[in-house]
Amino acid sequence: RPSKLQRDVASTLTRIGWDYAFEFVTPEKLSLDMAQPETMKAIEVDGPSHFLKCKGESRVVDGRTNFKSRLLSRLGWTVIHVPYFE
């Protein structure tokens, strides 16, 4: 189920005219929040669960998110991450 932040980002992309598929699944079975399959560009909205809990102010992307990002890059995708804290 999409988060409020994900819906807000999708709404903004629609307003600016960026055409995308919502909750797109690649042939490799990787789920993308918003994607343009024809251009292989995607937006991933990264909520708190995508980050490790660390002491202090630093936020570190968790291994699962990092692996998925690297895999998508190797497959030719350009992925823009929108973290929840920005």
Protein backbone atom coordinates (compact mmCIF):
# COMPACT_ATOMS: atom_id res chain seq x y z
CA ARG A 1 0.00 0.00 0.00
CA PRO A 2 1.48 3.38 -0.99
CA SER A 3 2.45 5.75 1.81
CA LYS A 4 1.15 9.31 2.07
CA LEU A 5 4.60 10.58 1.09
CA GLN A 6 4.59 8.34 -1.98
CA ARG A 7 1.13 9.61 -2.97
CA ASP A 8 2.29 13.21 -2.44
CA VAL A 9 5.36 12.69 -4.65
CA ALA A 10 3.19 11.02 -7.32
CA SER A 11 0.75 13.94 -7.20
CA THR A 12 3.60 16.42 -7.66
CA LEU A 13 5.00 14.46 -10.61
CA THR A 14 1.55 14.43 -12.21
CA ARG A 15 1.21 18.20 -11.70
CA ILE A 16 4.53 18.87 -13.45
CA GLY A 17 3.59 16.56 -16.32
CA TRP A 18 5.99 13.66 -15.70
CA ASP A 19 4.22 10.64 -17.14
CA TYR A 20 4.84 7.45 -15.13
CA ALA A 21 3.55 4.04 -14.18
CA PHE A 22 2.66 3.80 -10.47
CA GLU A 23 3.97 0.74 -8.58
CA PHE A 24 5.68 -0.60 -11.71
CA VAL A 25 7.20 -4.10 -11.60
CA THR A 26 10.20 -4.79 -13.84
CA PRO A 27 10.58 -8.06 -15.80
CA GLU A 28 13.07 -9.03 -13.05
CA LYS A 29 10.23 -8.64 -10.48
CA LEU A 30 11.65 -5.49 -8.88
CA SER A 31 9.00 -3.05 -7.71
CA LEU A 32 9.45 0.67 -8.45
CA ASP A 33 7.32 3.37 -6.84
CA MET A 34 7.02 5.42 -10.04
CA ALA A 35 8.68 4.55 -13.34
CA GLN A 36 8.95 5.39 -17.01
CA PRO A 37 9.71 1.94 -18.43
CA GLU A 38 10.34 3.30 -21.93
CA THR A 39 13.13 5.60 -20.67
CA MET A 40 14.18 3.36 -17.75
CA LYS A 41 13.87 6.22 -15.27
CA ALA A 42 12.31 5.78 -11.84
CA ILE A 43 11.50 7.55 -8.61
CA GLU A 44 11.79 5.64 -5.34
CA VAL A 45 10.32 7.19 -2.19
CA ASP A 46 12.42 6.01 0.74
CA GLY A 47 10.61 6.09 4.08
CA PRO A 48 12.17 5.48 7.49
CA SER A 49 12.29 1.70 6.96
CA HIS A 50 14.88 2.22 4.20
CA PHE A 51 17.43 3.56 6.68
CA LEU A 52 19.43 2.03 9.51
CA LYS A 53 18.86 3.34 13.00
CA CYS A 54 22.14 5.02 13.92
CA LYS A 55 23.13 7.21 16.83
CA GLY A 56 23.50 10.85 15.99
CA GLU A 57 22.21 12.70 12.98
CA SER A 58 23.59 10.50 10.19
CA ARG A 59 21.18 8.44 8.13
CA VAL A 60 22.53 5.35 6.42
CA VAL A 61 20.62 3.53 3.66
CA ASP A 62 19.98 -0.08 4.63
CA GLY A 63 21.49 -3.01 2.74
CA ARG A 64 18.28 -4.08 1.02
CA THR A 65 17.65 -0.61 -0.42
CA ASN A 66 21.29 -0.23 -1.43
CA PHE A 67 21.33 -3.63 -3.14
CA LYS A 68 18.12 -2.91 -5.06
CA SER A 69 19.48 0.45 -6.19
CA ARG A 70 22.74 -1.11 -7.41
CA LEU A 71 20.88 -3.92 -9.18
CA LEU A 72 18.56 -1.49 -10.97
CA SER A 73 21.57 0.57 -12.04
CA ARG A 74 23.24 -2.55 -13.48
CA LEU A 75 20.03 -3.29 -15.37
CA GLY A 76 20.19 0.16 -16.98
CA TRP A 77 17.73 2.07 -14.79
CA THR A 78 18.30 5.62 -13.58
CA VAL A 79 16.72 5.87 -10.14
CA ILE A 80 16.14 9.05 -8.17
CA HIS A 81 15.63 8.48 -4.45
CA VAL A 82 13.37 10.82 -2.46
CA PRO A 83 14.14 10.29 1.24
CA TYR A 84 11.40 10.97 3.76
CA PHE A 85 13.46 13.62 5.58
CA GLU A 86 13.90 15.94 2.61
